[in-house]
Amino acid sequence: MRDRLVLAKAIAEDLMPPEVGWLDTLNTLAERARTAGTGDLQEPWTPPTNEGPLPAHLLPLAQSILHAQARAIVALQQEMSELRTRDKVVRAAGYDAGSVPAYVDHVG
């Protein structure tokens, strides 16, 4: 993450106006990848318009964000799998929220 910020700062010093839009877009995507597993609801992302093609010198930053997104996807898939397993266990236990226990265990 720190490398990406250093790269973004270095790039920002020499940007032309269309490139500023691209940098803003890439920073938004990086932040969304970083916070993907926090459980916070994110607004749907809409691609920017009229930014033109990605400048070649922003390609390393874009690739690092793509890798961060891929890692976030894998982490979310693993979390979803774990939650499905937990759901199956709870359903198999046959828990009924309306039932009252007949016995109370007491140690001592």
PDB file of N, CA and C in Angstrom:
ATOM      1  N   MET A   1       0.826  -1.189   0.000  1.00  0.00           N
ATOM      2  CA  MET A   1       0.000   0.000   0.000  1.00  0.00           C
ATOM      3  C   MET A   1       0.869   1.251   0.000  1.00  0.00           C
ATOM      4  N   ARG A   2       1.901   1.271   0.830  1.00  0.00           N
ATOM      5  CA  ARG A   2       2.763   2.447   0.905  1.00  0.00           C
ATOM      6  C   ARG A   2       3.449   2.682  -0.437  1.00  0.00           C
ATOM      7  N   ASP A   3       3.912   1.612  -1.094  1.00  0.00           N
ATOM      8  CA  ASP A   3       4.556   1.762  -2.401  1.00  0.00           C
ATOM      9  C   ASP A   3       3.614   2.416  -3.394  1.00  0.00           C
ATOM     10  N   ARG A   4       2.342   2.029  -3.347  1.00  0.00           N
ATOM     11  CA  ARG A   4       1.355   2.583  -4.272  1.00  0.00           C
ATOM     12  C   ARG A   4       1.171   4.077  -4.006  1.00  0.00           C
ATOM     13  N   LEU A   5       1.136   4.470  -2.725  1.00  0.00           N
ATOM     14  CA  LEU A   5       0.966   5.881  -2.399  1.00  0.00           C
ATOM     15  C   LEU A   5       2.172   6.705  -2.824  1.00  0.00           C
ATOM     16  N   VAL A   6       3.364   6.155  -2.634  1.00  0.00           N
ATOM     17  CA  VAL A   6       4.583   6.849  -3.046  1.00  0.00           C
ATOM     18  C   VAL A   6       4.591   7.013  -4.558  1.00  0.00           C
ATOM     19  N   LEU A   7       4.227   5.949  -5.263  1.00  0.00           N
ATOM     20  CA  LEU A   7       4.176   6.015  -6.723  1.00  0.00           C
ATOM     21  C   LEU A   7       3.140   7.045  -7.175  1.00  0.00           C
ATOM     22  N   ALA A   8       1.972   7.034  -6.545  1.00  0.00           N
ATOM     23  CA  ALA A   8       0.920   7.980  -6.918  1.00  0.00           C
ATOM     24  C   ALA A   8       1.364   9.418  -6.678  1.00  0.00           C
ATOM     25  N   LYS A   9       2.048   9.659  -5.577  1.00  0.00           N
ATOM     26  CA  LYS A   9       2.510  11.015  -5.277  1.00  0.00           C
ATOM     27  C   LYS A   9       3.552  11.469  -6.299  1.00  0.00           C
ATOM     28  N   ALA A  10       4.475  10.572  -6.637  1.00  0.00           N
ATOM     29  CA  ALA A  10       5.513  10.913  -7.604  1.00  0.00           C
ATOM     30  C   ALA A  10       4.900  11.206  -8.974  1.00  0.00           C
ATOM     31  N   ILE A  11       3.914  10.428  -9.337  1.00  0.00           N
ATOM     32  CA  ILE A  11       3.260  10.620 -10.633  1.00  0.00           C
ATOM     33  C   ILE A  11       2.480  11.927 -10.639  1.00  0.00           C
ATOM     34  N   ALA A  12       1.808  12.236  -9.522  1.00  0.00           N
ATOM     35  CA  ALA A  12       0.941  13.416  -9.459  1.00  0.00           C
ATOM     36  C   ALA A  12       1.701  14.712  -9.689  1.00  0.00           C
ATOM     37  N   GLU A  13       2.971  14.732  -9.393  1.00  0.00           N
ATOM     38  CA  GLU A  13       3.754  15.953  -9.557  1.00  0.00           C
ATOM     39  C   GLU A  13       3.898  16.369 -11.017  1.00  0.00           C
ATOM     40  N   ASP A  14       3.780  15.418 -11.951  1.00  0.00           N
ATOM     41  CA  ASP A  14       3.974  15.726 -13.370  1.00  0.00           C
ATOM     42  C   ASP A  14       2.720  15.495 -14.210  1.00  0.00           C
ATOM     43  N   LEU A  15       1.553  15.554 -13.602  1.00  0.00           N
ATOM     44  CA  LEU A  15       0.331  15.212 -14.328  1.00  0.00           C
ATOM     45  C   LEU A  15      -0.229  16.354 -15.156  1.00  0.00           C
ATOM     46  N   MET A  16      -0.835  15.963 -16.262  1.00  0.00           N
ATOM     47  CA  MET A  16      -1.606  16.867 -17.100  1.00  0.00           C
ATOM     48  C   MET A  16      -3.070  16.717 -16.657  1.00  0.00           C
ATOM     49  N   PRO A  17      -3.949  17.673 -16.961  1.00  0.00           N
ATOM     50  CA  PRO A  17      -5.336  17.610 -16.479  1.00  0.00           C
ATOM     51  C   PRO A  17      -6.069  16.289 -16.714  1.00  0.00           C
ATOM     52  N   PRO A  18      -6.026  15.654 -17.903  1.00  0.00           N
ATOM     53  CA  PRO A  18      -6.743  14.372 -18.038  1.00  0.00           C
ATOM     54  C   PRO A  18      -6.171  13.303 -17.124  1.00  0.00           C
ATOM     55  N   GLU A  19      -4.873  13.391 -16.860  1.00  0.00           N
ATOM     56  CA  GLU A  19      -4.241  12.396 -16.008  1.00  0.00           C
ATOM     57  C   GLU A  19      -4.688  12.530 -14.555  1.00  0.00           C
ATOM     58  N   VAL A  20      -5.040  13.738 -14.151  1.00  0.00           N
ATOM     59  CA  VAL A  20      -5.541  13.937 -12.794  1.00  0.00           C
ATOM     60  C   VAL A  20      -6.822  13.121 -12.599  1.00  0.00           C
ATOM     61  N   GLY A  21      -7.682  13.118 -13.602  1.00  0.00           N
ATOM     62  CA  GLY A  21      -8.905  12.315 -13.545  1.00  0.00           C
ATOM     63  C   GLY A  21      -8.603  10.839 -13.416  1.00  0.00           C
ATOM     64  N   TRP A  22      -7.612  10.362 -14.168  1.00  0.00           N
ATOM     65  CA  TRP A  22      -7.231   8.963 -14.079  1.00  0.00           C
ATOM     66  C   TRP A  22      -6.670   8.633 -12.700  1.00  0.00           C
ATOM     67  N   LEU A  23      -5.843   9.512 -12.172  1.00  0.00           N
ATOM     68  CA  LEU A  23      -5.266   9.266 -10.854  1.00  0.00           C
ATOM     69  C   LEU A  23      -6.362   9.221  -9.795  1.00  0.00           C
ATOM     70  N   ASP A  24      -7.329  10.111  -9.897  1.00  0.00           N
ATOM     71  CA  ASP A  24      -8.453  10.099  -8.967  1.00  0.00           C
ATOM     72  C   ASP A  24      -9.231   8.791  -9.074  1.00  0.00           C
ATOM     73  N   THR A  25      -9.468   8.345 -10.291  1.00  0.00           N
ATOM     74  CA  THR A  25     -10.168   7.081 -10.516  1.00  0.00           C
ATOM     75  C   THR A  25      -9.389   5.919  -9.925  1.00  0.00           C
ATOM     76  N   LEU A  26      -8.093   5.881 -10.184  1.00  0.00           N
ATOM     77  CA  LEU A  26      -7.268   4.784  -9.663  1.00  0.00           C
ATOM     78  C   LEU A  26      -7.214   4.809  -8.144  1.00  0.00           C
ATOM     79  N   ASN A  27      -7.142   5.982  -7.550  1.00  0.00           N
ATOM     80  CA  ASN A  27      -7.144   6.069  -6.087  1.00  0.00           C
ATOM     81  C   ASN A  27      -8.469   5.582  -5.512  1.00  0.00           C
ATOM     82  N   THR A  28      -9.565   5.910  -6.176  1.00  0.00           N
ATOM     83  CA  THR A  28     -10.872   5.431  -5.740  1.00  0.00           C
ATOM     84  C   THR A  28     -10.930   3.906  -5.793  1.00  0.00           C
ATOM     85  N   LEU A  29     -10.451   3.334  -6.890  1.00  0.00           N
ATOM     86  CA  LEU A  29     -10.452   1.878  -7.031  1.00  0.00           C
ATOM     87  C   LEU A  29      -9.546   1.211  -5.994  1.00  0.00           C
ATOM     88  N   ALA A  30      -8.415   1.829  -5.706  1.00  0.00           N
ATOM     89  CA  ALA A  30      -7.502   1.282  -4.702  1.00  0.00           C
ATOM     90  C   ALA A  30      -8.165   1.284  -3.330  1.00  0.00           C
ATOM     91  N   GLU A  31      -8.836   2.363  -2.999  1.00  0.00           N
ATOM     92  CA  GLU A  31      -9.521   2.454  -1.702  1.00  0.00           C
ATOM     93  C   GLU A  31     -10.647   1.432  -1.605  1.00  0.00           C
ATOM     94  N   ARG A  32     -11.389   1.250  -2.678  1.00  0.00           N
ATOM     95  CA  ARG A  32     -12.471   0.267  -2.677  1.00  0.00           C
ATOM     96  C   ARG A  32     -11.929  -1.148  -2.522  1.00  0.00           C
ATOM     97  N   ALA A  33     -10.792  -1.442  -3.133  1.00  0.00           N
ATOM     98  CA  ALA A  33     -10.182  -2.770  -2.978  1.00  0.00           C
ATOM     99  C   ALA A  33      -9.693  -2.960  -1.546  1.00  0.00           C
ATOM    100  N   ARG A  34      -9.136  -1.896  -0.970  1.00  0.00           N
ATOM    101  CA  ARG A  34      -8.613  -1.986   0.391  1.00  0.00           C
ATOM    102  C   ARG A  34      -9.723  -2.214   1.413  1.00  0.00           C
ATOM    103  N   THR A  35     -10.890  -1.640   1.193  1.00  0.00           N
ATOM    104  CA  THR A  35     -11.977  -1.723   2.165  1.00  0.00           C
ATOM    105  C   THR A  35     -13.043  -2.748   1.777  1.00  0.00           C
ATOM    106  N   ALA A  36     -12.767  -3.587   0.807  1.00  0.00           N
ATOM    107  CA  ALA A  36     -13.770  -4.524   0.296  1.00  0.00           C
ATOM    108  C   ALA A  36     -14.282  -5.485   1.363  1.00  0.00           C
ATOM    109  N   GLY A  37     -13.465  -5.905   2.287  1.00  0.00           N
ATOM    110  CA  GLY A  37     -13.890  -6.894   3.274  1.00  0.00           C
ATOM    111  C   GLY A  37     -14.306  -6.321   4.610  1.00  0.00           C
ATOM    112  N   THR A  38     -14.501  -5.022   4.696  1.00  0.00           N
ATOM    113  CA  THR A  38     -14.818  -4.410   5.986  1.00  0.00           C
ATOM    114  C   THR A  38     -16.286  -4.528   6.360  1.00  0.00           C
ATOM    115  N   GLY A  39     -17.134  -4.872   5.405  1.00  0.00           N
ATOM    116  CA  GLY A  39     -18.561  -4.961   5.680  1.00  0.00           C
ATOM    117  C   GLY A  39     -19.300  -3.657   5.457  1.00  0.00           C
ATOM    118  N   ASP A  40     -18.566  -2.594   5.153  1.00  0.00           N
ATOM    119  CA  ASP A  40     -19.218  -1.315   4.877  1.00  0.00           C
ATOM    120  C   ASP A  40     -19.872  -1.366   3.494  1.00  0.00           C
ATOM    121  N   LEU A  41     -21.081  -0.867   3.426  1.00  0.00           N
ATOM    122  CA  LEU A  41     -21.793  -0.830   2.154  1.00  0.00           C
ATOM    123  C   LEU A  41     -21.162   0.221   1.254  1.00  0.00           C
ATOM    124  N   GLN A  42     -20.828  -0.170   0.043  1.00  0.00           N
ATOM    125  CA  GLN A  42     -20.226   0.754  -0.908  1.00  0.00           C
ATOM    126  C   GLN A  42     -21.228   1.072  -2.007  1.00  0.00           C
ATOM    127  N   GLU A  43     -21.213   2.312  -2.417  1.00  0.00           N
ATOM    128  CA  GLU A  43     -22.062   2.728  -3.529  1.00  0.00           C
ATOM    129  C   GLU A  43     -21.581   2.025  -4.803  1.00  0.00           C
ATOM    130  N   PRO A  44     -22.488   1.725  -5.718  1.00  0.00           N
ATOM    131  CA  PRO A  44     -22.051   1.141  -6.991  1.00  0.00           C
ATOM    132  C   PRO A  44     -21.067   2.075  -7.692  1.00  0.00           C
ATOM    133  N   TRP A  45     -20.050   1.490  -8.278  1.00  0.00           N
ATOM    134  CA  TRP A  45     -19.027   2.286  -8.954  1.00  0.00           C
ATOM    135  C   TRP A  45     -19.437   2.497 -10.392  1.00  0.00           C
ATOM    136  N   THR A  46     -19.275   3.706 -10.852  1.00  0.00           N
ATOM    137  CA  THR A  46     -19.521   3.997 -12.261  1.00  0.00           C
ATOM    138  C   THR A  46     -18.215   4.481 -12.880  1.00  0.00           C
ATOM    139  N   PRO A  47     -17.858   3.918 -14.001  1.00  0.00           N
ATOM    140  CA  PRO A  47     -16.606   4.321 -14.650  1.00  0.00           C
ATOM    141  C   PRO A  47     -16.635   5.792 -15.030  1.00  0.00           C
ATOM    142  N   PRO A  48     -15.488   6.427 -15.001  1.00  0.00           N
ATOM    143  CA  PRO A  48     -15.432   7.828 -15.409  1.00  0.00           C
ATOM    144  C   PRO A  48     -15.658   7.960 -16.913  1.00  0.00           C
ATOM    145  N   THR A  49     -16.055   9.136 -17.310  1.00  0.00           N
ATOM    146  CA  THR A  49     -16.242   9.388 -18.734  1.00  0.00           C
ATOM    147  C   THR A  49     -15.242  10.452 -19.175  1.00  0.00           C
ATOM    148  N   ASN A  50     -14.877  10.388 -20.418  1.00  0.00           N
ATOM    149  CA  ASN A  50     -14.009  11.385 -21.047  1.00  0.00           C
ATOM    150  C   ASN A  50     -12.621  11.495 -20.425  1.00  0.00           C
ATOM    151  N   GLU A  51     -12.119  10.431 -19.853  1.00  0.00           N
ATOM    152  CA  GLU A  51     -10.757  10.454 -19.327  1.00  0.00           C
ATOM    153  C   GLU A  51      -9.735  10.117 -20.407  1.00  0.00           C
ATOM    154  N   GLY A  52     -10.214   9.523 -21.480  1.00  0.00           N
ATOM    155  CA  GLY A  52      -9.293   9.109 -22.538  1.00  0.00           C
ATOM    156  C   GLY A  52      -8.598   7.816 -22.144  1.00  0.00           C
ATOM    157  N   PRO A  53      -7.659   7.364 -22.953  1.00  0.00           N
ATOM    158  CA  PRO A  53      -6.943   6.125 -22.631  1.00  0.00           C
ATOM    159  C   PRO A  53      -6.042   6.312 -21.403  1.00  0.00           C
ATOM    160  N   LEU A  54      -5.788   5.238 -20.725  1.00  0.00           N
ATOM    161  CA  LEU A  54      -4.904   5.263 -19.557  1.00  0.00           C
ATOM    162  C   LEU A  54      -3.493   5.644 -20.006  1.00  0.00           C
ATOM    163  N   PRO A  55      -2.924   6.687 -19.411  1.00  0.00           N
ATOM    164  CA  PRO A  55      -1.547   7.051 -19.761  1.00  0.00           C
ATOM    165  C   PRO A  55      -0.583   5.924 -19.401  1.00  0.00           C
ATOM    166  N   ALA A  56       0.387   5.697 -20.248  1.00  0.00           N
ATOM    167  CA  ALA A  56       1.322   4.575 -20.060  1.00  0.00           C
ATOM    168  C   ALA A  56       2.029   4.625 -18.715  1.00  0.00           C
ATOM    169  N   HIS A  57       2.373   5.817 -18.226  1.00  0.00           N
ATOM    170  CA  HIS A  57       3.109   5.889 -16.971  1.00  0.00           C
ATOM    171  C   HIS A  57       2.231   5.597 -15.746  1.00  0.00           C
ATOM    172  N   LEU A  58       0.898   5.496 -15.945  1.00  0.00           N
ATOM    173  CA  LEU A  58       0.010   5.104 -14.849  1.00  0.00           C
ATOM    174  C   LEU A  58      -0.269   3.603 -14.840  1.00  0.00           C
ATOM    175  N   LEU A  59       0.237   2.897 -15.839  1.00  0.00           N
ATOM    176  CA  LEU A  59       0.004   1.461 -15.941  1.00  0.00           C
ATOM    177  C   LEU A  59       0.504   0.684 -14.721  1.00  0.00           C
ATOM    178  N   PRO A  60       1.710   0.940 -14.176  1.00  0.00           N
ATOM    179  CA  PRO A  60       2.129   0.193 -12.976  1.00  0.00           C
ATOM    180  C   PRO A  60       1.178   0.388 -11.792  1.00  0.00           C
ATOM    181  N   LEU A  61       0.672   1.584 -11.624  1.00  0.00           N
ATOM    182  CA  LEU A  61      -0.284   1.851 -10.549  1.00  0.00           C
ATOM    183  C   LEU A  61      -1.571   1.087 -10.790  1.00  0.00           C
ATOM    184  N   ALA A  62      -2.066   1.107 -12.024  1.00  0.00           N
ATOM    185  CA  ALA A  62      -3.296   0.386 -12.369  1.00  0.00           C
ATOM    186  C   ALA A  62      -3.123  -1.118 -12.161  1.00  0.00           C
ATOM    187  N   GLN A  63      -1.966  -1.653 -12.521  1.00  0.00           N
ATOM    188  CA  GLN A  63      -1.717  -3.086 -12.341  1.00  0.00           C
ATOM    189  C   GLN A  63      -1.668  -3.459 -10.859  1.00  0.00           C
ATOM    190  N   SER A  64      -1.078  -2.600 -10.027  1.00  0.00           N
ATOM    191  CA  SER A  64      -1.025  -2.903  -8.599  1.00  0.00           C
ATOM    192  C   SER A  64      -2.433  -2.894  -8.001  1.00  0.00           C
ATOM    193  N   ILE A  65      -3.288  -2.017  -8.503  1.00  0.00           N
ATOM    194  CA  ILE A  65      -4.672  -1.977  -8.034  1.00  0.00           C
ATOM    195  C   ILE A  65      -5.420  -3.224  -8.496  1.00  0.00           C
ATOM    196  N   LEU A  66      -5.161  -3.654  -9.708  1.00  0.00           N
ATOM    197  CA  LEU A  66      -5.781  -4.870 -10.222  1.00  0.00           C
ATOM    198  C   LEU A  66      -5.413  -6.073  -9.354  1.00  0.00           C
ATOM    199  N   HIS A  67      -4.159  -6.155  -8.937  1.00  0.00           N
ATOM    200  CA  HIS A  67      -3.725  -7.249  -8.058  1.00  0.00           C
ATOM    201  C   HIS A  67      -4.408  -7.139  -6.686  1.00  0.00           C
ATOM    202  N   ALA A  68      -4.560  -5.930  -6.172  1.00  0.00           N
ATOM    203  CA  ALA A  68      -5.248  -5.729  -4.887  1.00  0.00           C
ATOM    204  C   ALA A  68      -6.713  -6.151  -4.995  1.00  0.00           C
ATOM    205  N   GLN A  69      -7.342  -5.845  -6.115  1.00  0.00           N
ATOM    206  CA  GLN A  69      -8.725  -6.253  -6.324  1.00  0.00           C
ATOM    207  C   GLN A  69      -8.834  -7.779  -6.382  1.00  0.00           C
ATOM    208  N   ALA A  70      -7.893  -8.420  -7.048  1.00  0.00           N
ATOM    209  CA  ALA A  70      -7.911  -9.881  -7.143  1.00  0.00           C
ATOM    210  C   ALA A  70      -7.761 -10.509  -5.760  1.00  0.00           C
ATOM    211  N   ARG A  71      -6.855  -9.947  -4.932  1.00  0.00           N
ATOM    212  CA  ARG A  71      -6.689 -10.466  -3.565  1.00  0.00           C
ATOM    213  C   ARG A  71      -7.972 -10.260  -2.751  1.00  0.00           C
ATOM    214  N   ALA A  72      -8.628  -9.118  -2.926  1.00  0.00           N
ATOM    215  CA  ALA A  72      -9.870  -8.847  -2.206  1.00  0.00           C
ATOM    216  C   ALA A  72     -10.967  -9.827  -2.621  1.00  0.00           C
ATOM    217  N   ILE A  73     -11.029 -10.139  -3.900  1.00  0.00           N
ATOM    218  CA  ILE A  73     -12.032 -11.096  -4.391  1.00  0.00           C
ATOM    219  C   ILE A  73     -11.811 -12.460  -3.760  1.00  0.00           C
ATOM    220  N   VAL A  74     -10.573 -12.919  -3.724  1.00  0.00           N
ATOM    221  CA  VAL A  74     -10.265 -14.219  -3.126  1.00  0.00           C
ATOM    222  C   VAL A  74     -10.636 -14.224  -1.647  1.00  0.00           C
ATOM    223  N   ALA A  75     -10.292 -13.165  -0.929  1.00  0.00           N
ATOM    224  CA  ALA A  75     -10.605 -13.086   0.503  1.00  0.00           C
ATOM    225  C   ALA A  75     -12.116 -13.104   0.726  1.00  0.00           C
ATOM    226  N   LEU A  76     -12.860 -12.389  -0.109  1.00  0.00           N
ATOM    227  CA  LEU A  76     -14.314 -12.365   0.032  1.00  0.00           C
ATOM    228  C   LEU A  76     -14.928 -13.726  -0.308  1.00  0.00           C
ATOM    229  N   GLN A  77     -14.383 -14.414  -1.297  1.00  0.00           N
ATOM    230  CA  GLN A  77     -14.877 -15.746  -1.634  1.00  0.00           C
ATOM    231  C   GLN A  77     -14.645 -16.716  -0.476  1.00  0.00           C
ATOM    232  N   GLN A  78     -13.485 -16.622   0.170  1.00  0.00           N
ATOM    233  CA  GLN A  78     -13.198 -17.481   1.320  1.00  0.00           C
ATOM    234  C   GLN A  78     -14.147 -17.181   2.476  1.00  0.00           C
ATOM    235  N   GLU A  79     -14.389 -15.900   2.717  1.00  0.00           N
ATOM    236  CA  GLU A  79     -15.298 -15.510   3.794  1.00  0.00           C
ATOM    237  C   GLU A  79     -16.718 -16.001   3.517  1.00  0.00           C
ATOM    238  N   MET A  80     -17.153 -15.888   2.277  1.00  0.00           N
ATOM    239  CA  MET A  80     -18.484 -16.367   1.912  1.00  0.00           C
ATOM    240  C   MET A  80     -18.593 -17.877   2.111  1.00  0.00           C
ATOM    241  N   SER A  81     -17.554 -18.600   1.765  1.00  0.00           N
ATOM    242  CA  SER A  81     -17.546 -20.046   1.946  1.00  0.00           C
ATOM    243  C   SER A  81     -17.645 -20.407   3.432  1.00  0.00           C
ATOM    244  N   GLU A  82     -16.895 -19.697   4.269  1.00  0.00           N
ATOM    245  CA  GLU A  82     -16.952 -19.945   5.714  1.00  0.00           C
ATOM    246  C   GLU A  82     -18.345 -19.646   6.269  1.00  0.00           C
ATOM    247  N   LEU A  83     -18.951 -18.581   5.798  1.00  0.00           N
ATOM    248  CA  LEU A  83     -20.290 -18.227   6.270  1.00  0.00           C
ATOM    249  C   LEU A  83     -21.323 -19.258   5.830  1.00  0.00           C
ATOM    250  N   ARG A  84     -21.186 -19.788   4.624  1.00  0.00           N
ATOM    251  CA  ARG A  84     -22.099 -20.845   4.176  1.00  0.00           C
ATOM    252  C   ARG A  84     -21.957 -22.076   5.054  1.00  0.00           C
ATOM    253  N   THR A  85     -20.718 -22.429   5.418  1.00  0.00           N
ATOM    254  CA  THR A  85     -20.488 -23.577   6.284  1.00  0.00           C
ATOM    255  C   THR A  85     -21.120 -23.350   7.650  1.00  0.00           C
ATOM    256  N   ARG A  86     -20.933 -22.168   8.222  1.00  0.00           N
ATOM    257  CA  ARG A  86     -21.534 -21.861   9.524  1.00  0.00           C
ATOM    258  C   ARG A  86     -23.055 -21.916   9.445  1.00  0.00           C
ATOM    259  N   ASP A  87     -23.618 -21.417   8.350  1.00  0.00           N
ATOM    260  CA  ASP A  87     -25.062 -21.452   8.180  1.00  0.00           C
ATOM    261  C   ASP A  87     -25.563 -22.885   8.153  1.00  0.00           C
ATOM    262  N   LYS A  88     -24.855 -23.766   7.471  1.00  0.00           N
ATOM    263  CA  LYS A  88     -25.250 -25.178   7.420  1.00  0.00           C
ATOM    264  C   LYS A  88     -25.218 -25.809   8.811  1.00  0.00           C
ATOM    265  N   VAL A  89     -24.205 -25.471   9.604  1.00  0.00           N
ATOM    266  CA  VAL A  89     -24.088 -26.020  10.959  1.00  0.00           C
ATOM    267  C   VAL A  89     -25.261 -25.553  11.818  1.00  0.00           C
ATOM    268  N   VAL A  90     -25.584 -24.275  11.751  1.00  0.00           N
ATOM    269  CA  VAL A  90     -26.694 -23.740  12.546  1.00  0.00           C
ATOM    270  C   VAL A  90     -28.007 -24.385  12.129  1.00  0.00           C
ATOM    271  N   ARG A  91     -28.222 -24.517  10.833  1.00  0.00           N
ATOM    272  CA  ARG A  91     -29.465 -25.133  10.357  1.00  0.00           C
ATOM    273  C   ARG A  91     -29.540 -26.612  10.749  1.00  0.00           C
ATOM    274  N   ALA A  92     -28.408 -27.305  10.722  1.00  0.00           N
ATOM    275  CA  ALA A  92     -28.395 -28.722  11.084  1.00  0.00           C
ATOM    276  C   ALA A  92     -28.664 -28.924  12.572  1.00  0.00           C
ATOM    277  N   ALA A  93     -28.323 -27.944  13.388  1.00  0.00           N
ATOM    278  CA  ALA A  93     -28.551 -28.061  14.826  1.00  0.00           C
ATOM    279  C   ALA A  93     -30.034 -27.971  15.159  1.00  0.00           C
ATOM    280  N   GLY A  94     -30.819 -27.464  14.249  1.00  0.00           N
ATOM    281  CA  GLY A  94     -32.251 -27.393  14.459  1.00  0.00           C
ATOM    282  C   GLY A  94     -32.664 -26.415  15.536  1.00  0.00           C
ATOM    283  N   TYR A  95     -31.934 -25.356  15.693  1.00  0.00           N
ATOM    284  CA  TYR A  95     -32.245 -24.349  16.703  1.00  0.00           C
ATOM    285  C   TYR A  95     -33.559 -23.663  16.387  1.00  0.00           C
ATOM    286  N   ASP A  96     -34.398 -23.570  17.398  1.00  0.00           N
ATOM    287  CA  ASP A  96     -35.670 -22.872  17.257  1.00  0.00           C
ATOM    288  C   ASP A  96     -35.681 -21.726  18.256  1.00  0.00           C
ATOM    289  N   ALA A  97     -35.701 -20.510  17.770  1.00  0.00           N
ATOM    290  CA  ALA A  97     -35.626 -19.341  18.645  1.00  0.00           C
ATOM    291  C   ALA A  97     -36.820 -19.249  19.578  1.00  0.00           C
ATOM    292  N   GLY A  98     -37.927 -19.904  19.250  1.00  0.00           N
ATOM    293  CA  GLY A  98     -39.119 -19.842  20.089  1.00  0.00           C
ATOM    294  C   GLY A  98     -39.156 -20.893  21.175  1.00  0.00           C
ATOM    295  N   SER A  99     -38.237 -21.837  21.157  1.00  0.00           N
ATOM    296  CA  SER A  99     -38.277 -22.909  22.151  1.00  0.00           C
ATOM    297  C   SER A  99     -37.667 -22.452  23.470  1.00  0.00           C
ATOM    298  N   VAL A 100     -38.152 -23.060  24.543  1.00  0.00           N
ATOM    299  CA  VAL A 100     -37.661 -22.753  25.879  1.00  0.00           C
ATOM    300  C   VAL A 100     -36.930 -23.987  26.380  1.00  0.00           C
ATOM    301  N   PRO A 101     -35.720 -23.838  26.917  1.00  0.00           N
ATOM    302  CA  PRO A 101     -35.001 -25.018  27.400  1.00  0.00           C
ATOM    303  C   PRO A 101     -35.743 -25.687  28.561  1.00  0.00           C
ATOM    304  N   ALA A 102     -35.708 -27.016  28.571  1.00  0.00           N
ATOM    305  CA  ALA A 102     -36.380 -27.780  29.630  1.00  0.00           C
ATOM    306  C   ALA A 102     -35.475 -27.943  30.845  1.00  0.00           C
ATOM    307  N   TYR A 103     -34.177 -27.921  30.631  1.00  0.00           N
ATOM    308  CA  TYR A 103     -33.217 -28.099  31.727  1.00  0.00           C
ATOM    309  C   TYR A 103     -32.167 -27.017  31.659  1.00  0.00           C
ATOM    310  N   VAL A 104     -31.644 -26.672  32.802  1.00  0.00           N
ATOM    311  CA  VAL A 104     -30.550 -25.713  32.860  1.00  0.00           C
ATOM    312  C   VAL A 104     -29.386 -26.429  33.526  1.00  0.00           C
ATOM    313  N   ASP A 105     -28.264 -26.473  32.837  1.00  0.00           N
ATOM    314  CA  ASP A 105     -27.069 -27.079  33.423  1.00  0.00           C
ATOM    315  C   ASP A 105     -26.475 -26.113  34.435  1.00  0.00           C
ATOM    316  N   HIS A 106     -26.090 -26.687  35.561  1.00  0.00           N
ATOM    317  CA  HIS A 106     -25.485 -25.855  36.591  1.00  0.00           C
ATOM    318  C   HIS A 106     -24.324 -26.632  37.187  1.00  0.00           C
ATOM    319  N   VAL A 107     -23.161 -26.038  37.141  1.00  0.00           N
ATOM    320  CA  VAL A 107     -21.964 -26.678  37.688  1.00  0.00           C
ATOM    321  C   VAL A 107     -21.686 -26.030  39.040  1.00  0.00           C
ATOM    322  N   GLY A 108     -21.435 -26.845  40.038  1.00  0.00           N
ATOM    323  CA  GLY A 108     -21.039 -26.258  41.321  1.00  0.00           C
ATOM    324  C   GLY A 108     -21.937 -26.628  42.360  1.00  0.00           C
TER     325      GLY A 108
END
